[in-house]
Amino acid sequence: MHSLKTLITSLSLALILVVSVPGTALANESGKEIGDDVAIILDLVILRPIGVVATAGGFVIFVASLPISLPTWSVGKTFNALVARPAVYTFWRTLGEEM
C-alpha cells in the first residue's frame, strides 16, 4: 500500500511539472517550440482517451435523447453537440493541436 501511494504521488508531481512548463516561451535553435513535444505526449496519453470516452458517452446520451430531440426537430444539433464535436476533437485533429 505504501508503494502505491509513493507511485501515485510521484506520477502526480511529474504530471504537474510537465503541465506547468510554458511551451510557448521556450524555443530551441531550429525554431521548434520545446512545448510541442510535451503537448503531443499529453494529447496522446490523456486527452485522446478522454475524447474516446466522451464520443462513446455522447453517442449513448444522443440515443437516449432521441425521444426528446425528434419531436423538437433538433436531432442534427444534438448529434453535433454530443457526438460529432468529440469525434472531431479525438480522431481528426493532429496531435498536440488545440482547438
N, C-alpha and C. Protein backbone atom coordinates (compact mmCIF):
# COMPACT_ATOMS: atom_id res chain seq x y z
N MET A 1 0.82 -1.19 0.00
CA MET A 1 0.00 0.00 0.00
C MET A 1 0.86 1.25 0.00
N HIS A 2 1.96 1.20 0.74
CA HIS A 2 2.86 2.35 0.81
C HIS A 2 3.49 2.63 -0.56
N SER A 3 3.85 1.58 -1.29
CA SER A 3 4.47 1.78 -2.59
C SER A 3 3.47 2.34 -3.60
N LEU A 4 2.19 2.00 -3.47
CA LEU A 4 1.16 2.54 -4.35
C LEU A 4 0.99 4.04 -4.11
N LYS A 5 1.01 4.44 -2.84
CA LYS A 5 0.92 5.87 -2.51
C LYS A 5 2.12 6.63 -3.07
N THR A 6 3.30 6.05 -2.95
CA THR A 6 4.51 6.67 -3.46
C THR A 6 4.44 6.80 -4.98
N LEU A 7 3.96 5.78 -5.65
CA LEU A 7 3.85 5.80 -7.10
C LEU A 7 2.86 6.87 -7.55
N ILE A 8 1.71 6.93 -6.91
CA ILE A 8 0.70 7.93 -7.27
C ILE A 8 1.21 9.34 -7.01
N THR A 9 1.87 9.53 -5.90
CA THR A 9 2.43 10.85 -5.59
C THR A 9 3.48 11.25 -6.61
N SER A 10 4.35 10.34 -6.97
CA SER A 10 5.40 10.63 -7.95
C SER A 10 4.82 10.95 -9.31
N LEU A 11 3.85 10.18 -9.75
CA LEU A 11 3.22 10.45 -11.04
C LEU A 11 2.46 11.77 -11.03
N SER A 12 1.81 12.08 -9.93
CA SER A 12 1.10 13.35 -9.82
C SER A 12 2.06 14.53 -9.90
N LEU A 13 3.16 14.44 -9.19
CA LEU A 13 4.15 15.52 -9.24
C LEU A 13 4.76 15.66 -10.63
N ALA A 14 5.03 14.54 -11.29
CA ALA A 14 5.58 14.59 -12.64
C ALA A 14 4.58 15.22 -13.60
N LEU A 15 3.31 14.89 -13.47
CA LEU A 15 2.30 15.47 -14.32
C LEU A 15 2.17 16.97 -14.09
N ILE A 16 2.22 17.40 -12.85
CA ILE A 16 2.16 18.83 -12.53
C ILE A 16 3.35 19.57 -13.15
N LEU A 17 4.53 18.98 -13.06
CA LEU A 17 5.71 19.61 -13.64
C LEU A 17 5.61 19.70 -15.16
N VAL A 18 5.13 18.65 -15.79
CA VAL A 18 5.02 18.64 -17.24
C VAL A 18 3.99 19.66 -17.71
N VAL A 19 2.88 19.76 -17.01
CA VAL A 19 1.83 20.68 -17.41
C VAL A 19 2.23 22.12 -17.16
N SER A 20 3.01 22.36 -16.13
CA SER A 20 3.35 23.73 -15.78
C SER A 20 4.47 24.34 -16.62
N VAL A 21 5.11 23.58 -17.48
CA VAL A 21 6.17 24.11 -18.34
C VAL A 21 5.52 24.96 -19.43
N PRO A 22 5.86 26.23 -19.49
CA PRO A 22 5.27 27.08 -20.52
C PRO A 22 5.89 26.79 -21.89
N GLY A 23 5.14 26.13 -22.76
CA GLY A 23 5.65 25.69 -24.05
C GLY A 23 5.84 26.81 -25.04
N THR A 24 5.06 27.86 -24.97
CA THR A 24 5.18 28.92 -25.97
C THR A 24 6.39 29.80 -25.73
N ALA A 25 6.90 29.84 -24.52
CA ALA A 25 8.04 30.70 -24.24
C ALA A 25 9.38 30.03 -24.55
N LEU A 26 9.39 28.72 -24.66
CA LEU A 26 10.63 28.00 -24.89
C LEU A 26 10.78 27.62 -26.35
N ALA A 27 11.93 27.96 -26.94
CA ALA A 27 12.20 27.57 -28.32
C ALA A 27 13.66 27.21 -28.44
N ASN A 28 13.95 26.20 -29.24
CA ASN A 28 15.34 25.84 -29.46
C ASN A 28 15.85 26.53 -30.73
N GLU A 29 17.09 26.26 -31.11
CA GLU A 29 17.70 26.97 -32.22
C GLU A 29 17.05 26.70 -33.57
N SER A 30 16.36 25.61 -33.75
CA SER A 30 15.71 25.32 -35.03
C SER A 30 14.37 26.03 -35.15
N GLY A 31 13.93 26.71 -34.11
CA GLY A 31 12.67 27.43 -34.15
C GLY A 31 11.48 26.61 -33.70
N LYS A 32 11.69 25.34 -33.45
CA LYS A 32 10.61 24.47 -32.99
C LYS A 32 10.42 24.70 -31.50
N GLU A 33 9.20 24.83 -31.08
CA GLU A 33 8.94 25.03 -29.67
C GLU A 33 9.10 23.74 -28.90
N ILE A 34 9.78 23.82 -27.76
CA ILE A 34 10.01 22.64 -26.93
C ILE A 34 8.70 22.11 -26.37
N GLY A 35 7.76 22.97 -26.10
CA GLY A 35 6.48 22.57 -25.54
C GLY A 35 5.67 21.70 -26.49
N ASP A 36 5.99 21.70 -27.79
CA ASP A 36 5.26 20.88 -28.74
C ASP A 36 5.35 19.41 -28.38
N ASP A 37 6.53 18.95 -27.97
CA ASP A 37 6.70 17.55 -27.60
C ASP A 37 5.84 17.19 -26.39
N VAL A 38 5.82 18.06 -25.42
CA VAL A 38 5.02 17.83 -24.21
C VAL A 38 3.54 17.82 -24.57
N ALA A 39 3.12 18.74 -25.43
CA ALA A 39 1.71 18.81 -25.83
C ALA A 39 1.30 17.54 -26.56
N ILE A 40 2.17 17.01 -27.40
CA ILE A 40 1.86 15.78 -28.13
C ILE A 40 1.73 14.61 -27.18
N ILE A 41 2.62 14.50 -26.22
CA ILE A 41 2.58 13.39 -25.27
C ILE A 41 1.32 13.47 -24.42
N LEU A 42 1.02 14.65 -23.89
CA LEU A 42 -0.19 14.81 -23.07
C LEU A 42 -1.45 14.54 -23.89
N ASP A 43 -1.43 14.99 -25.14
CA ASP A 43 -2.57 14.75 -26.01
C ASP A 43 -2.79 13.26 -26.25
N LEU A 44 -1.72 12.55 -26.52
CA LEU A 44 -1.81 11.12 -26.81
C LEU A 44 -2.17 10.30 -25.58
N VAL A 45 -1.61 10.64 -24.44
CA VAL A 45 -1.78 9.81 -23.25
C VAL A 45 -3.05 10.17 -22.46
N ILE A 46 -3.43 11.44 -22.44
CA ILE A 46 -4.55 11.86 -21.60
C ILE A 46 -5.77 12.30 -22.41
N LEU A 47 -5.58 13.23 -23.33
CA LEU A 47 -6.73 13.84 -23.99
C LEU A 47 -7.43 12.93 -24.99
N ARG A 48 -6.67 12.13 -25.75
CA ARG A 48 -7.31 11.23 -26.73
C ARG A 48 -8.16 10.16 -26.05
N PRO A 49 -7.66 9.49 -25.00
CA PRO A 49 -8.55 8.52 -24.34
C PRO A 49 -9.80 9.17 -23.74
N ILE A 50 -9.66 10.37 -23.20
CA ILE A 50 -10.84 11.08 -22.69
C ILE A 50 -11.79 11.40 -23.83
N GLY A 51 -11.25 11.75 -25.00
CA GLY A 51 -12.08 12.02 -26.16
C GLY A 51 -12.84 10.80 -26.65
N VAL A 52 -12.20 9.63 -26.60
CA VAL A 52 -12.88 8.39 -26.99
C VAL A 52 -14.05 8.12 -26.05
N VAL A 53 -13.80 8.28 -24.75
CA VAL A 53 -14.87 8.07 -23.77
C VAL A 53 -15.98 9.10 -23.97
N ALA A 54 -15.62 10.35 -24.26
CA ALA A 54 -16.63 11.39 -24.48
C ALA A 54 -17.45 11.11 -25.73
N THR A 55 -16.81 10.61 -26.78
CA THR A 55 -17.54 10.28 -28.01
C THR A 55 -18.52 9.14 -27.77
N ALA A 56 -18.05 8.08 -27.12
CA ALA A 56 -18.92 6.93 -26.84
C ALA A 56 -20.05 7.32 -25.89
N GLY A 57 -19.72 8.05 -24.84
CA GLY A 57 -20.74 8.50 -23.90
C GLY A 57 -21.73 9.46 -24.55
N GLY A 58 -21.22 10.33 -25.41
CA GLY A 58 -22.09 11.25 -26.14
C GLY A 58 -23.06 10.52 -27.05
N PHE A 59 -22.59 9.42 -27.66
CA PHE A 59 -23.47 8.63 -28.52
C PHE A 59 -24.58 7.99 -27.70
N VAL A 60 -24.24 7.47 -26.54
CA VAL A 60 -25.25 6.85 -25.67
C VAL A 60 -26.27 7.90 -25.23
N ILE A 61 -25.80 9.07 -24.85
CA ILE A 61 -26.72 10.13 -24.43
C ILE A 61 -27.56 10.61 -25.62
N PHE A 62 -26.95 10.66 -26.82
CA PHE A 62 -27.68 11.06 -28.01
C PHE A 62 -28.84 10.10 -28.29
N VAL A 63 -28.56 8.80 -28.23
CA VAL A 63 -29.63 7.82 -28.46
C VAL A 63 -30.71 7.95 -27.40
N ALA A 64 -30.31 8.19 -26.16
CA ALA A 64 -31.30 8.35 -25.09
C ALA A 64 -32.12 9.63 -25.27
N SER A 65 -31.55 10.63 -25.92
CA SER A 65 -32.26 11.90 -26.09
C SER A 65 -33.13 11.94 -27.34
N LEU A 66 -33.12 10.90 -28.15
CA LEU A 66 -33.93 10.90 -29.36
C LEU A 66 -35.42 11.11 -29.12
N PRO A 67 -36.01 10.53 -28.08
CA PRO A 67 -37.44 10.80 -27.86
C PRO A 67 -37.74 12.28 -27.62
N ILE A 68 -36.78 13.03 -27.16
CA ILE A 68 -36.99 14.46 -26.93
C ILE A 68 -36.60 15.28 -28.16
N SER A 69 -35.49 14.90 -28.82
CA SER A 69 -35.00 15.71 -29.93
C SER A 69 -35.76 15.47 -31.23
N LEU A 70 -36.37 14.31 -31.42
CA LEU A 70 -37.14 14.07 -32.64
C LEU A 70 -38.36 14.98 -32.75
N PRO A 71 -39.20 15.08 -31.75
CA PRO A 71 -40.37 15.96 -31.89
C PRO A 71 -40.02 17.44 -31.99
N THR A 72 -38.86 17.82 -31.47
CA THR A 72 -38.48 19.24 -31.50
C THR A 72 -37.61 19.57 -32.70
N TRP A 73 -37.39 18.63 -33.58
CA TRP A 73 -36.60 18.81 -34.80
C TRP A 73 -35.18 19.28 -34.51
N SER A 74 -34.57 18.78 -33.45
CA SER A 74 -33.22 19.19 -33.09
C SER A 74 -32.24 18.02 -33.08
N VAL A 75 -32.50 17.01 -33.90
CA VAL A 75 -31.64 15.83 -33.93
C VAL A 75 -30.24 16.19 -34.42
N GLY A 76 -30.15 16.99 -35.47
CA GLY A 76 -28.85 17.37 -36.02
C GLY A 76 -28.01 18.17 -35.03
N LYS A 77 -28.64 19.11 -34.39
CA LYS A 77 -27.94 19.93 -33.39
C LYS A 77 -27.48 19.08 -32.21
N THR A 78 -28.34 18.16 -31.79
CA THR A 78 -27.98 17.27 -30.68
C THR A 78 -26.84 16.35 -31.07
N PHE A 79 -26.89 15.80 -32.28
CA PHE A 79 -25.83 14.92 -32.75
C PHE A 79 -24.50 15.66 -32.83
N ASN A 80 -24.52 16.88 -33.35
CA ASN A 80 -23.28 17.66 -33.45
C ASN A 80 -22.67 17.93 -32.08
N ALA A 81 -23.51 18.28 -31.13
CA ALA A 81 -23.01 18.62 -29.80
C ALA A 81 -22.49 17.41 -29.04
N LEU A 82 -23.20 16.28 -29.15
CA LEU A 82 -22.86 15.13 -28.32
C LEU A 82 -21.92 14.13 -28.97
N VAL A 83 -21.92 14.04 -30.31
CA VAL A 83 -21.12 13.01 -30.98
C VAL A 83 -20.08 13.61 -31.92
N ALA A 84 -20.49 14.51 -32.81
CA ALA A 84 -19.59 14.99 -33.85
C ALA A 84 -18.42 15.80 -33.29
N ARG A 85 -18.69 16.74 -32.40
CA ARG A 85 -17.59 17.55 -31.85
C ARG A 85 -16.56 16.72 -31.09
N PRO A 86 -16.98 15.83 -30.18
CA PRO A 86 -15.96 14.99 -29.53
C PRO A 86 -15.22 14.08 -30.51
N ALA A 87 -15.90 13.60 -31.55
CA ALA A 87 -15.24 12.74 -32.53
C ALA A 87 -14.20 13.52 -33.34
N VAL A 88 -14.54 14.72 -33.75
CA VAL A 88 -13.58 15.55 -34.49
C VAL A 88 -12.38 15.87 -33.60
N TYR A 89 -12.63 16.23 -32.36
CA TYR A 89 -11.56 16.53 -31.42
C TYR A 89 -10.66 15.33 -31.21
N THR A 90 -11.22 14.13 -31.18
CA THR A 90 -10.46 12.93 -30.88
C THR A 90 -9.76 12.36 -32.10
N PHE A 91 -10.44 12.28 -33.24
CA PHE A 91 -9.93 11.50 -34.35
C PHE A 91 -9.41 12.31 -35.54
N TRP A 92 -9.79 13.57 -35.70
CA TRP A 92 -9.40 14.27 -36.92
C TRP A 92 -8.38 15.38 -36.73
N ARG A 93 -8.14 15.84 -35.56
CA ARG A 93 -7.13 16.89 -35.41
C ARG A 93 -5.75 16.26 -35.21
N THR A 94 -4.71 17.00 -35.52
CA THR A 94 -3.36 16.49 -35.38
C THR A 94 -2.94 16.48 -33.92
N LEU A 95 -2.00 15.63 -33.60
CA LEU A 95 -1.53 15.51 -32.21
C LEU A 95 -0.93 16.82 -31.72
N GLY A 96 -1.29 17.22 -30.55
CA GLY A 96 -0.75 18.43 -29.93
C GLY A 96 -1.43 19.71 -30.36
N GLU A 97 -2.34 19.64 -31.32
CA GLU A 97 -3.04 20.83 -31.81
C GLU A 97 -4.21 21.15 -30.90
N GLU A 98 -4.37 22.41 -30.56
CA GLU A 98 -5.51 22.83 -29.74
C GLU A 98 -6.61 23.31 -30.65
N MET A 99 -7.84 23.12 -30.19
CA MET A 99 -8.98 23.59 -30.98
C MET A 99 -9.58 24.80 -30.35
